[in-house]
Amino acid sequence: MITPLPLQFSVDELSPFVSSDEVSVHYDVYTTNYFSLVNNAILGTKYQEYSMDDLLKDRQLQHSDSHLYRLINQAHNHDILWQSISPISKTGEPSTNVQSLIRHSFGSTESMARNIIDHADQLFGSGWIWLVLAHNQLHVVTTPNSAAPFDGVAVWACDLWEHAFVHDVQYINEQRSKYVENMTKLINWNYVNKVCESNGN
């Protein structure tokens, strides 16, 4: 059975960029529900003893039960999301190596943020937007629905499903681009640095 990683901050610490109401609903309702749906589906099967990594790597499961595999992806995507954002007072700074990656890949952190917002605007419907480390560069990648990047390692994730922002009054008119802009301000550089370092950067 799998469980969501605990939040590393209180629900009000992302304010004013994301409200406490939104964090509560997104984590306590949507995130935990994805894990519950997976656990209910694998109960009584060999998969109930699997870790999240085991489930993600199981190609037989991927091909035999695509619906369950999509739920597993959604659960895992949310784990990455909550690790890769942080209260603005605790985000840290890009390491020297990560700064070099950003300059090489985008020119500056400002250009990187603009790139993220522009890509998010181009995604029709629900999905995710990511910062992905691949081939010694950082890339902005969008994926539809519950899909995760198939190449490289995700260092930051932003949920583009409506449930990620519609419970926040400041995004009441579904101002997704403003929500994405604010999420770029909450990038947890301590997490990004750690993932990049563990992958040779």
N, C-alpha and C. Protein backbone atom coordinates (compact mmCIF):
# COMPACT_ATOMS: atom_id res chain seq x y z
N MET A 1 0.85 -1.19 0.00
CA MET A 1 0.00 0.00 0.00
C MET A 1 0.89 1.24 0.00
N ILE A 2 0.40 2.28 -0.59
CA ILE A 2 1.19 3.50 -0.72
C ILE A 2 0.52 4.64 0.04
N THR A 3 1.32 5.57 0.51
CA THR A 3 0.80 6.73 1.24
C THR A 3 1.45 7.99 0.68
N PRO A 4 0.69 9.11 0.68
CA PRO A 4 1.29 10.36 0.18
C PRO A 4 2.36 10.87 1.12
N LEU A 5 3.38 11.48 0.56
CA LEU A 5 4.39 12.12 1.40
C LEU A 5 3.75 13.26 2.17
N PRO A 6 4.13 13.45 3.43
CA PRO A 6 3.52 14.53 4.22
C PRO A 6 3.96 15.90 3.71
N LEU A 7 3.07 16.88 3.87
CA LEU A 7 3.44 18.25 3.55
C LEU A 7 4.60 18.70 4.43
N GLN A 8 5.51 19.47 3.85
CA GLN A 8 6.67 19.98 4.60
C GLN A 8 6.42 21.40 5.11
N PHE A 9 5.17 21.84 5.04
CA PHE A 9 4.82 23.19 5.47
C PHE A 9 3.36 23.18 5.90
N SER A 10 2.95 24.18 6.64
CA SER A 10 1.55 24.29 7.05
C SER A 10 0.73 24.83 5.88
N VAL A 11 -0.59 24.62 5.92
CA VAL A 11 -1.43 24.94 4.78
C VAL A 11 -1.49 26.44 4.48
N ASP A 12 -1.15 27.27 5.45
CA ASP A 12 -1.24 28.72 5.22
C ASP A 12 0.08 29.34 4.79
N GLU A 13 1.14 28.54 4.69
CA GLU A 13 2.47 29.11 4.41
C GLU A 13 2.70 29.46 2.94
N LEU A 14 1.85 29.02 2.05
CA LEU A 14 2.02 29.38 0.63
C LEU A 14 1.29 30.67 0.29
N SER A 15 0.54 31.19 1.24
CA SER A 15 -0.17 32.46 1.04
C SER A 15 0.85 33.59 0.88
N PRO A 16 0.59 34.59 0.04
CA PRO A 16 -0.65 34.87 -0.70
C PRO A 16 -0.71 34.21 -2.08
N PHE A 17 0.28 33.39 -2.42
CA PHE A 17 0.33 32.84 -3.77
C PHE A 17 -0.67 31.71 -3.97
N VAL A 18 -0.84 30.91 -2.94
CA VAL A 18 -1.87 29.87 -2.93
C VAL A 18 -2.52 29.91 -1.55
N SER A 19 -3.84 29.98 -1.53
CA SER A 19 -4.54 30.15 -0.25
C SER A 19 -4.52 28.86 0.57
N SER A 20 -4.74 29.02 1.86
CA SER A 20 -4.80 27.86 2.75
C SER A 20 -5.97 26.95 2.37
N ASP A 21 -7.08 27.54 1.92
CA ASP A 21 -8.23 26.74 1.49
C ASP A 21 -7.84 25.85 0.32
N GLU A 22 -7.13 26.42 -0.65
CA GLU A 22 -6.73 25.64 -1.82
C GLU A 22 -5.76 24.53 -1.44
N VAL A 23 -4.77 24.84 -0.61
CA VAL A 23 -3.81 23.81 -0.20
C VAL A 23 -4.53 22.68 0.53
N SER A 24 -5.44 23.04 1.44
CA SER A 24 -6.18 22.03 2.20
C SER A 24 -6.97 21.11 1.29
N VAL A 25 -7.73 21.70 0.37
CA VAL A 25 -8.55 20.89 -0.53
C VAL A 25 -7.67 20.05 -1.45
N HIS A 26 -6.64 20.66 -1.98
CA HIS A 26 -5.78 19.97 -2.95
C HIS A 26 -5.06 18.80 -2.31
N TYR A 27 -4.54 19.00 -1.09
CA TYR A 27 -3.79 17.91 -0.45
C TYR A 27 -4.72 16.92 0.26
N ASP A 28 -5.57 17.44 1.15
CA ASP A 28 -6.38 16.57 2.01
C ASP A 28 -7.48 15.83 1.25
N VAL A 29 -7.96 16.41 0.16
CA VAL A 29 -9.04 15.77 -0.59
C VAL A 29 -8.50 15.09 -1.85
N TYR A 30 -7.93 15.88 -2.76
CA TYR A 30 -7.56 15.33 -4.06
C TYR A 30 -6.33 14.42 -4.00
N THR A 31 -5.27 14.89 -3.36
CA THR A 31 -4.05 14.08 -3.31
C THR A 31 -4.31 12.76 -2.58
N THR A 32 -4.88 12.85 -1.39
CA THR A 32 -5.12 11.62 -0.61
C THR A 32 -6.10 10.70 -1.32
N ASN A 33 -7.04 11.28 -2.07
CA ASN A 33 -8.01 10.44 -2.78
C ASN A 33 -7.34 9.61 -3.87
N TYR A 34 -6.38 10.19 -4.58
CA TYR A 34 -5.68 9.41 -5.60
C TYR A 34 -4.98 8.21 -4.97
N PHE A 35 -4.35 8.42 -3.83
CA PHE A 35 -3.69 7.31 -3.14
C PHE A 35 -4.70 6.27 -2.67
N SER A 36 -5.84 6.72 -2.18
CA SER A 36 -6.89 5.79 -1.73
C SER A 36 -7.42 4.96 -2.89
N LEU A 37 -7.63 5.61 -4.03
CA LEU A 37 -8.13 4.90 -5.20
C LEU A 37 -7.14 3.82 -5.66
N VAL A 38 -5.85 4.15 -5.63
CA VAL A 38 -4.84 3.15 -5.99
C VAL A 38 -4.85 2.00 -4.99
N ASN A 39 -4.85 2.32 -3.71
CA ASN A 39 -4.82 1.28 -2.68
C ASN A 39 -6.04 0.38 -2.74
N ASN A 40 -7.20 0.95 -3.00
CA ASN A 40 -8.41 0.14 -3.13
C ASN A 40 -8.33 -0.80 -4.34
N ALA A 41 -7.72 -0.31 -5.40
CA ALA A 41 -7.62 -1.10 -6.63
C ALA A 41 -6.62 -2.26 -6.50
N ILE A 42 -5.57 -2.07 -5.72
CA ILE A 42 -4.53 -3.11 -5.62
C ILE A 42 -4.72 -4.02 -4.41
N LEU A 43 -5.71 -3.72 -3.58
CA LEU A 43 -5.97 -4.53 -2.39
C LEU A 43 -6.27 -5.97 -2.80
N GLY A 44 -5.57 -6.90 -2.15
CA GLY A 44 -5.79 -8.31 -2.44
C GLY A 44 -5.04 -8.83 -3.64
N THR A 45 -4.24 -7.97 -4.26
CA THR A 45 -3.42 -8.40 -5.38
C THR A 45 -1.95 -8.37 -4.97
N LYS A 46 -1.09 -8.88 -5.85
CA LYS A 46 0.34 -8.86 -5.56
C LYS A 46 0.87 -7.44 -5.43
N TYR A 47 0.14 -6.49 -6.07
CA TYR A 47 0.62 -5.11 -6.10
C TYR A 47 0.48 -4.40 -4.76
N GLN A 48 -0.29 -4.95 -3.83
CA GLN A 48 -0.46 -4.26 -2.56
C GLN A 48 0.83 -4.22 -1.74
N GLU A 49 1.79 -5.06 -2.09
CA GLU A 49 3.09 -5.06 -1.41
C GLU A 49 4.11 -4.19 -2.14
N TYR A 50 3.72 -3.63 -3.28
CA TYR A 50 4.67 -2.86 -4.08
C TYR A 50 4.84 -1.45 -3.50
N SER A 51 6.03 -0.90 -3.68
CA SER A 51 6.27 0.51 -3.39
C SER A 51 5.79 1.33 -4.58
N MET A 52 5.78 2.64 -4.41
CA MET A 52 5.42 3.52 -5.52
C MET A 52 6.35 3.29 -6.70
N ASP A 53 7.65 3.20 -6.46
CA ASP A 53 8.60 2.98 -7.55
C ASP A 53 8.33 1.66 -8.26
N ASP A 54 8.01 0.62 -7.49
CA ASP A 54 7.72 -0.68 -8.09
C ASP A 54 6.50 -0.59 -9.00
N LEU A 55 5.47 0.11 -8.55
CA LEU A 55 4.26 0.25 -9.35
C LEU A 55 4.54 1.01 -10.64
N LEU A 56 5.30 2.08 -10.53
CA LEU A 56 5.59 2.89 -11.71
C LEU A 56 6.42 2.14 -12.74
N LYS A 57 7.27 1.23 -12.29
CA LYS A 57 8.18 0.53 -13.19
C LYS A 57 7.57 -0.73 -13.78
N ASP A 58 6.39 -1.13 -13.31
CA ASP A 58 5.80 -2.39 -13.74
C ASP A 58 5.12 -2.23 -15.11
N ARG A 59 5.81 -2.66 -16.15
CA ARG A 59 5.30 -2.49 -17.51
C ARG A 59 4.08 -3.38 -17.77
N GLN A 60 4.02 -4.53 -17.13
CA GLN A 60 2.85 -5.39 -17.28
C GLN A 60 1.60 -4.67 -16.78
N LEU A 61 1.71 -4.03 -15.63
CA LEU A 61 0.59 -3.28 -15.08
C LEU A 61 0.22 -2.13 -16.00
N GLN A 62 1.21 -1.45 -16.52
CA GLN A 62 0.97 -0.31 -17.40
C GLN A 62 0.12 -0.71 -18.61
N HIS A 63 0.40 -1.90 -19.15
CA HIS A 63 -0.31 -2.33 -20.36
C HIS A 63 -1.61 -3.06 -20.05
N SER A 64 -1.70 -3.70 -18.88
CA SER A 64 -2.89 -4.50 -18.58
C SER A 64 -4.01 -3.70 -17.93
N ASP A 65 -3.67 -2.61 -17.26
CA ASP A 65 -4.70 -1.81 -16.58
C ASP A 65 -4.31 -0.34 -16.68
N SER A 66 -4.62 0.25 -17.81
CA SER A 66 -4.19 1.63 -18.06
C SER A 66 -4.88 2.61 -17.11
N HIS A 67 -6.11 2.32 -16.72
CA HIS A 67 -6.82 3.21 -15.78
C HIS A 67 -6.11 3.26 -14.44
N LEU A 68 -5.76 2.10 -13.91
CA LEU A 68 -5.04 2.05 -12.64
C LEU A 68 -3.68 2.73 -12.77
N TYR A 69 -3.01 2.50 -13.89
CA TYR A 69 -1.69 3.11 -14.06
C TYR A 69 -1.78 4.63 -14.11
N ARG A 70 -2.87 5.15 -14.69
CA ARG A 70 -3.06 6.60 -14.70
C ARG A 70 -3.26 7.13 -13.28
N LEU A 71 -3.99 6.39 -12.46
CA LEU A 71 -4.18 6.79 -11.06
C LEU A 71 -2.85 6.78 -10.30
N ILE A 72 -2.03 5.77 -10.57
CA ILE A 72 -0.71 5.70 -9.94
C ILE A 72 0.13 6.91 -10.34
N ASN A 73 0.09 7.25 -11.62
CA ASN A 73 0.81 8.44 -12.09
C ASN A 73 0.33 9.69 -11.37
N GLN A 74 -0.99 9.85 -11.24
CA GLN A 74 -1.53 11.03 -10.58
C GLN A 74 -1.06 11.10 -9.13
N ALA A 75 -1.07 9.99 -8.44
CA ALA A 75 -0.59 9.97 -7.05
C ALA A 75 0.88 10.40 -6.98
N HIS A 76 1.68 9.81 -7.85
CA HIS A 76 3.11 10.12 -7.86
C HIS A 76 3.37 11.56 -8.28
N ASN A 77 2.62 12.04 -9.27
CA ASN A 77 2.78 13.44 -9.70
C ASN A 77 2.55 14.39 -8.54
N HIS A 78 1.54 14.09 -7.73
CA HIS A 78 1.25 14.96 -6.59
C HIS A 78 2.36 14.90 -5.54
N ASP A 79 2.98 13.75 -5.36
CA ASP A 79 4.13 13.67 -4.45
C ASP A 79 5.24 14.62 -4.91
N ILE A 80 5.51 14.62 -6.21
CA ILE A 80 6.55 15.52 -6.74
C ILE A 80 6.14 16.97 -6.55
N LEU A 81 4.89 17.26 -6.85
CA LEU A 81 4.38 18.63 -6.68
C LEU A 81 4.66 19.15 -5.27
N TRP A 82 4.23 18.42 -4.26
CA TRP A 82 4.33 18.94 -2.88
C TRP A 82 5.76 19.00 -2.38
N GLN A 83 6.66 18.19 -2.95
CA GLN A 83 8.07 18.30 -2.58
C GLN A 83 8.74 19.49 -3.27
N SER A 84 8.28 19.81 -4.48
CA SER A 84 9.03 20.76 -5.31
C SER A 84 8.55 22.20 -5.18
N ILE A 85 7.56 22.44 -4.29
CA ILE A 85 7.20 23.82 -3.96
C ILE A 85 7.39 24.04 -2.48
N SER A 86 7.52 25.30 -2.11
CA SER A 86 7.86 25.64 -0.73
C SER A 86 7.40 27.05 -0.43
N PRO A 87 7.13 27.35 0.84
CA PRO A 87 6.87 28.75 1.20
C PRO A 87 8.01 29.63 0.70
N ILE A 88 7.68 30.83 0.25
CA ILE A 88 8.68 31.68 -0.39
C ILE A 88 9.85 31.99 0.54
N SER A 89 9.61 31.97 1.84
CA SER A 89 10.68 32.24 2.80
C SER A 89 11.63 31.05 2.97
N LYS A 90 11.26 29.90 2.39
CA LYS A 90 12.05 28.68 2.58
C LYS A 90 12.49 28.05 1.28
N THR A 91 12.33 28.76 0.17
CA THR A 91 12.64 28.16 -1.13
C THR A 91 14.12 27.95 -1.36
N GLY A 92 14.95 28.72 -0.66
CA GLY A 92 16.38 28.64 -0.91
C GLY A 92 16.75 29.28 -2.23
N GLU A 93 17.95 28.99 -2.69
CA GLU A 93 18.46 29.56 -3.94
C GLU A 93 19.02 28.44 -4.81
N PRO A 94 19.01 28.63 -6.12
CA PRO A 94 19.65 27.63 -6.98
C PRO A 94 21.13 27.50 -6.64
N SER A 95 21.61 26.27 -6.59
CA SER A 95 23.03 26.05 -6.37
C SER A 95 23.83 26.60 -7.55
N THR A 96 25.13 26.66 -7.38
CA THR A 96 25.98 27.14 -8.48
C THR A 96 25.77 26.30 -9.74
N ASN A 97 25.70 24.98 -9.56
CA ASN A 97 25.50 24.11 -10.73
C ASN A 97 24.12 24.32 -11.36
N VAL A 98 23.10 24.49 -10.53
CA VAL A 98 21.76 24.70 -11.06
C VAL A 98 21.66 26.06 -11.73
N GLN A 99 22.31 27.06 -11.17
CA GLN A 99 22.35 28.37 -11.84
C GLN A 99 22.96 28.25 -13.23
N SER A 100 24.01 27.46 -13.32
CA SER A 100 24.65 27.24 -14.62
C SER A 100 23.71 26.53 -15.58
N LEU A 101 22.96 25.54 -15.08
CA LEU A 101 21.97 24.84 -15.91
C LEU A 101 20.90 25.81 -16.41
N ILE A 102 20.44 26.68 -15.53
CA ILE A 102 19.40 27.65 -15.89
C ILE A 102 19.91 28.60 -16.97
N ARG A 103 21.12 29.12 -16.78
CA ARG A 103 21.68 30.04 -17.79
C ARG A 103 21.84 29.34 -19.13
N HIS A 104 22.34 28.11 -19.09
CA HIS A 104 22.57 27.35 -20.32
C HIS A 104 21.25 27.01 -21.01
N SER A 105 20.20 26.72 -20.21
CA SER A 105 18.93 26.24 -20.76
C SER A 105 17.97 27.37 -21.14
N PHE A 106 17.98 28.45 -20.34
CA PHE A 106 16.97 29.50 -20.52
C PHE A 106 17.55 30.92 -20.60
N GLY A 107 18.74 31.11 -20.09
CA GLY A 107 19.34 32.44 -20.04
C GLY A 107 19.26 33.05 -18.66
N SER A 108 18.11 32.89 -17.98
CA SER A 108 17.93 33.45 -16.65
C SER A 108 16.72 32.79 -16.00
N THR A 109 16.58 32.97 -14.69
CA THR A 109 15.41 32.42 -13.99
C THR A 109 14.14 33.12 -14.46
N GLU A 110 14.24 34.40 -14.80
CA GLU A 110 13.08 35.13 -15.30
C GLU A 110 12.61 34.54 -16.64
N SER A 111 13.56 34.26 -17.52
CA SER A 111 13.22 33.65 -18.81
C SER A 111 12.65 32.25 -18.62
N MET A 112 13.18 31.54 -17.65
CA MET A 112 12.67 30.20 -17.35
C MET A 112 11.20 30.28 -16.91
N ALA A 113 10.90 31.22 -16.00
CA ALA A 113 9.53 31.40 -15.52
C ALA A 113 8.59 31.76 -16.67
N ARG A 114 9.03 32.66 -17.55
CA ARG A 114 8.22 33.06 -18.69
C ARG A 114 7.96 31.87 -19.61
N ASN A 115 8.99 31.05 -19.78
CA ASN A 115 8.87 29.85 -20.60
C ASN A 115 7.84 28.89 -20.02
N ILE A 116 7.85 28.74 -18.72
CA ILE A 116 6.89 27.87 -18.05
C ILE A 116 5.46 28.38 -18.26
N ILE A 117 5.26 29.68 -18.05
CA ILE A 117 3.93 30.28 -18.20
C ILE A 117 3.43 30.12 -19.63
N ASP A 118 4.29 30.39 -20.60
CA ASP A 118 3.90 30.29 -22.01
C ASP A 118 3.52 28.86 -22.38
N HIS A 119 4.29 27.89 -21.91
CA HIS A 119 3.98 26.50 -22.21
C HIS A 119 2.66 26.08 -21.56
N ALA A 120 2.44 26.54 -20.34
CA ALA A 120 1.19 26.21 -19.64
C ALA A 120 -0.01 26.76 -20.40
N ASP A 121 0.13 27.96 -20.94
CA ASP A 121 -0.96 28.58 -21.69
C ASP A 121 -1.31 27.77 -22.94
N GLN A 122 -0.34 27.05 -23.46
CA GLN A 122 -0.56 26.29 -24.69
C GLN A 122 -1.17 24.91 -24.46
N LEU A 123 -1.23 24.49 -23.19
CA LEU A 123 -1.81 23.17 -22.89
C LEU A 123 -3.32 23.28 -22.82
N PHE A 124 -4.00 22.56 -23.68
CA PHE A 124 -5.46 22.56 -23.68
C PHE A 124 -5.97 21.53 -22.69
N GLY A 125 -6.88 21.96 -21.82
CA GLY A 125 -7.46 21.03 -20.86
C GLY A 125 -6.54 20.77 -19.68
N SER A 126 -6.77 19.63 -19.03
CA SER A 126 -6.04 19.31 -17.81
C SER A 126 -4.69 18.67 -18.10
N GLY A 127 -3.79 18.77 -17.13
CA GLY A 127 -2.48 18.16 -17.29
C GLY A 127 -1.50 18.70 -16.28
N TRP A 128 -0.23 18.65 -16.64
CA TRP A 128 0.86 19.07 -15.76
C TRP A 128 1.90 19.83 -16.57
N ILE A 129 2.63 20.68 -15.85
CA ILE A 129 3.82 21.30 -16.45
C ILE A 129 4.99 21.05 -15.53
N TRP A 130 6.13 20.78 -16.13
CA TRP A 130 7.28 20.29 -15.39
C TRP A 130 8.56 21.04 -15.77
N LEU A 131 9.49 21.06 -14.82
CA LEU A 131 10.90 21.30 -15.13
C LEU A 131 11.57 19.94 -15.08
N VAL A 132 12.21 19.58 -16.17
CA VAL A 132 12.79 18.25 -16.29
C VAL A 132 14.28 18.37 -16.59
N LEU A 133 15.07 17.61 -15.85
CA LEU A 133 16.51 17.53 -16.12
C LEU A 133 16.74 16.36 -17.07
N ALA A 134 17.26 16.67 -18.26
CA ALA A 134 17.54 15.63 -19.24
C ALA A 134 18.71 16.07 -20.10
N HIS A 135 19.66 15.17 -20.29
CA HIS A 135 20.82 15.43 -21.16
C HIS A 135 21.55 16.71 -20.73
N ASN A 136 21.72 16.86 -19.40
CA ASN A 136 22.47 17.98 -18.82
C ASN A 136 21.87 19.34 -19.15
N GLN A 137 20.57 19.36 -19.34
CA GLN A 137 19.84 20.61 -19.53
C GLN A 137 18.52 20.55 -18.78
N LEU A 138 17.98 21.72 -18.46
CA LEU A 138 16.63 21.80 -17.91
C LEU A 138 15.66 22.10 -19.05
N HIS A 139 14.54 21.41 -19.04
CA HIS A 139 13.53 21.57 -20.09
C HIS A 139 12.18 21.82 -19.45
N VAL A 140 11.36 22.65 -20.10
CA VAL A 140 9.96 22.80 -19.71
C VAL A 140 9.14 21.81 -20.52
N VAL A 141 8.38 20.98 -19.83
CA VAL A 141 7.61 19.92 -20.48
C VAL A 141 6.17 19.98 -19.99
N THR A 142 5.22 19.88 -20.89
CA THR A 142 3.82 19.73 -20.50
C THR A 142 3.37 18.31 -20.83
N THR A 143 2.48 17.79 -19.98
CA THR A 143 1.92 16.46 -20.22
C THR A 143 0.40 16.53 -20.02
N PRO A 144 -0.36 15.83 -20.84
CA PRO A 144 -1.81 15.88 -20.69
C PRO A 144 -2.29 14.96 -19.57
N ASN A 145 -3.39 15.33 -18.98
CA ASN A 145 -4.09 14.48 -18.02
C ASN A 145 -3.15 14.04 -16.89
N SER A 146 -2.94 12.73 -16.74
CA SER A 146 -2.11 12.25 -15.62
C SER A 146 -0.71 11.85 -16.05
N ALA A 147 -0.36 12.09 -17.31
CA ALA A 147 0.93 11.63 -17.82
C ALA A 147 2.09 12.34 -17.14
N ALA A 148 3.19 11.63 -17.03
CA ALA A 148 4.44 12.18 -16.50
C ALA A 148 5.48 12.22 -17.61
N PRO A 149 6.52 13.03 -17.45
CA PRO A 149 7.56 13.07 -18.48
C PRO A 149 8.18 11.69 -18.69
N PHE A 150 8.38 11.31 -19.94
CA PHE A 150 8.94 9.98 -20.24
C PHE A 150 10.45 10.01 -20.37
N ASP A 151 11.03 11.20 -20.42
CA ASP A 151 12.49 11.30 -20.57
C ASP A 151 13.02 12.25 -19.51
N GLY A 152 14.08 11.86 -18.85
CA GLY A 152 14.68 12.73 -17.85
C GLY A 152 14.07 12.57 -16.47
N VAL A 153 14.44 13.49 -15.59
CA VAL A 153 14.00 13.46 -14.19
C VAL A 153 13.28 14.76 -13.86
N ALA A 154 12.09 14.66 -13.33
CA ALA A 154 11.33 15.86 -12.96
C ALA A 154 11.91 16.48 -11.71
N VAL A 155 12.18 17.79 -11.76
CA VAL A 155 12.71 18.50 -10.60
C VAL A 155 11.68 19.48 -10.02
N TRP A 156 10.62 19.74 -10.77
CA TRP A 156 9.53 20.62 -10.31
C TRP A 156 8.28 20.27 -11.08
N ALA A 157 7.14 20.32 -10.39
CA ALA A 157 5.86 20.00 -11.03
C ALA A 157 4.82 21.03 -10.65
N CYS A 158 3.93 21.31 -11.60
CA CYS A 158 2.81 22.21 -11.35
C CYS A 158 1.55 21.56 -11.92
N ASP A 159 0.58 21.36 -11.08
CA ASP A 159 -0.69 20.73 -11.45
C ASP A 159 -1.55 21.74 -12.21
N LEU A 160 -1.96 21.38 -13.42
CA LEU A 160 -2.80 22.25 -14.24
C LEU A 160 -4.25 21.78 -14.31
N TRP A 161 -4.61 20.81 -13.48
CA TRP A 161 -6.01 20.44 -13.35
C TRP A 161 -6.73 21.56 -12.59
N GLU A 162 -8.01 21.74 -12.89
CA GLU A 162 -8.77 22.83 -12.26
C GLU A 162 -8.78 22.74 -10.74
N HIS A 163 -8.73 21.51 -10.22
CA HIS A 163 -8.79 21.39 -8.75
C HIS A 163 -7.61 22.05 -8.06
N ALA A 164 -6.55 22.33 -8.83
CA ALA A 164 -5.35 22.93 -8.23
C ALA A 164 -5.49 24.42 -7.96
N PHE A 165 -6.52 25.06 -8.56
CA PHE A 165 -6.61 26.51 -8.39
C PHE A 165 -8.02 27.06 -8.25
N VAL A 166 -9.06 26.29 -8.62
CA VAL A 166 -10.40 26.88 -8.63
C VAL A 166 -10.98 27.10 -7.24
N HIS A 167 -10.38 26.49 -6.21
CA HIS A 167 -10.87 26.71 -4.85
C HIS A 167 -10.24 27.96 -4.22
N ASP A 168 -9.37 28.61 -4.96
CA ASP A 168 -8.70 29.81 -4.48
C ASP A 168 -9.43 31.02 -5.07
N VAL A 169 -9.96 31.88 -4.21
CA VAL A 169 -10.80 32.98 -4.68
C VAL A 169 -10.08 33.89 -5.66
N GLN A 170 -8.75 34.02 -5.54
CA GLN A 170 -8.04 34.92 -6.44
C GLN A 170 -7.98 34.38 -7.87
N TYR A 171 -8.29 33.08 -8.04
CA TYR A 171 -8.30 32.50 -9.38
C TYR A 171 -9.72 32.08 -9.78
N ILE A 172 -10.70 32.78 -9.21
CA ILE A 172 -12.09 32.37 -9.37
C ILE A 172 -12.53 32.35 -10.82
N ASN A 173 -11.91 33.18 -11.64
CA ASN A 173 -12.26 33.21 -13.06
C ASN A 173 -11.34 32.32 -13.89
N GLU A 174 -10.80 31.31 -13.21
CA GLU A 174 -9.93 30.33 -13.87
C GLU A 174 -8.73 31.01 -14.55
N GLN A 175 -8.12 31.92 -13.82
CA GLN A 175 -6.93 32.61 -14.33
C GLN A 175 -5.71 31.70 -14.16
N ARG A 176 -5.65 30.69 -14.99
CA ARG A 176 -4.62 29.67 -14.82
C ARG A 176 -3.22 30.22 -15.00
N SER A 177 -3.05 31.15 -15.93
CA SER A 177 -1.71 31.68 -16.17
C SER A 177 -1.18 32.43 -14.95
N LYS A 178 -2.05 33.14 -14.25
CA LYS A 178 -1.63 33.84 -13.03
C LYS A 178 -1.26 32.85 -11.95
N TYR A 179 -2.03 31.79 -11.84
CA TYR A 179 -1.71 30.73 -10.89
C TYR A 179 -0.35 30.12 -11.20
N VAL A 180 -0.08 29.83 -12.47
CA VAL A 180 1.21 29.25 -12.85
C VAL A 180 2.34 30.23 -12.55
N GLU A 181 2.13 31.51 -12.85
CA GLU A 181 3.14 32.52 -12.54
C GLU A 181 3.47 32.50 -11.05
N ASN A 182 2.45 32.44 -10.21
CA ASN A 182 2.68 32.42 -8.77
C ASN A 182 3.37 31.14 -8.33
N MET A 183 3.05 30.03 -8.98
CA MET A 183 3.71 28.78 -8.62
C MET A 183 5.20 28.80 -8.94
N THR A 184 5.60 29.55 -9.97
CA THR A 184 7.03 29.64 -10.26
C THR A 184 7.79 30.38 -9.16
N LYS A 185 7.07 31.18 -8.39
CA LYS A 185 7.70 31.89 -7.27
C LYS A 185 7.92 30.98 -6.06
N LEU A 186 7.29 29.81 -6.09
CA LEU A 186 7.35 28.88 -4.97
C LEU A 186 8.23 27.67 -5.26
N ILE A 187 9.03 27.75 -6.33
CA ILE A 187 9.92 26.62 -6.65
C ILE A 187 10.85 26.36 -5.46
N ASN A 188 10.86 25.14 -5.01
CA ASN A 188 11.71 24.74 -3.88
C ASN A 188 13.10 24.42 -4.41
N TRP A 189 13.95 25.43 -4.40
CA TRP A 189 15.27 25.25 -4.97
C TRP A 189 16.09 24.24 -4.18
N ASN A 190 15.81 24.10 -2.90
CA ASN A 190 16.53 23.08 -2.12
C ASN A 190 16.25 21.69 -2.68
N TYR A 191 15.00 21.46 -3.09
CA TYR A 191 14.64 20.17 -3.69
C TYR A 191 15.25 20.04 -5.08
N VAL A 192 15.14 21.09 -5.88
CA VAL A 192 15.71 21.07 -7.23
C VAL A 192 17.22 20.79 -7.16
N ASN A 193 17.90 21.49 -6.26
CA ASN A 193 19.35 21.28 -6.10
C ASN A 193 19.66 19.83 -5.77
N LYS A 194 18.88 19.25 -4.85
CA LYS A 194 19.13 17.88 -4.40
C LYS A 194 18.91 16.88 -5.54
N VAL A 195 17.83 17.05 -6.30
CA VAL A 195 17.55 16.12 -7.39
C VAL A 195 18.61 16.25 -8.49
N CYS A 196 18.97 17.49 -8.81
CA CYS A 196 19.99 17.70 -9.84
C CYS A 196 21.33 17.11 -9.41
N GLU A 197 21.69 17.33 -8.16
CA GLU A 197 22.97 16.80 -7.66
C GLU A 197 22.98 15.28 -7.68
N SER A 198 21.86 14.67 -7.29
CA SER A 198 21.81 13.20 -7.26
C SER A 198 21.82 12.59 -8.66
N ASN A 199 21.58 13.44 -9.68
CA ASN A 199 21.62 12.98 -11.05
C ASN A 199 22.80 13.56 -11.83
N GLY A 200 23.86 13.89 -11.09
CA GLY A 200 25.12 14.26 -11.72
C GLY A 200 25.24 15.71 -12.11
N ASN A 201 24.32 16.57 -11.59
CA ASN A 201 24.41 17.99 -11.90
C ASN A 201 24.34 18.81 -10.61
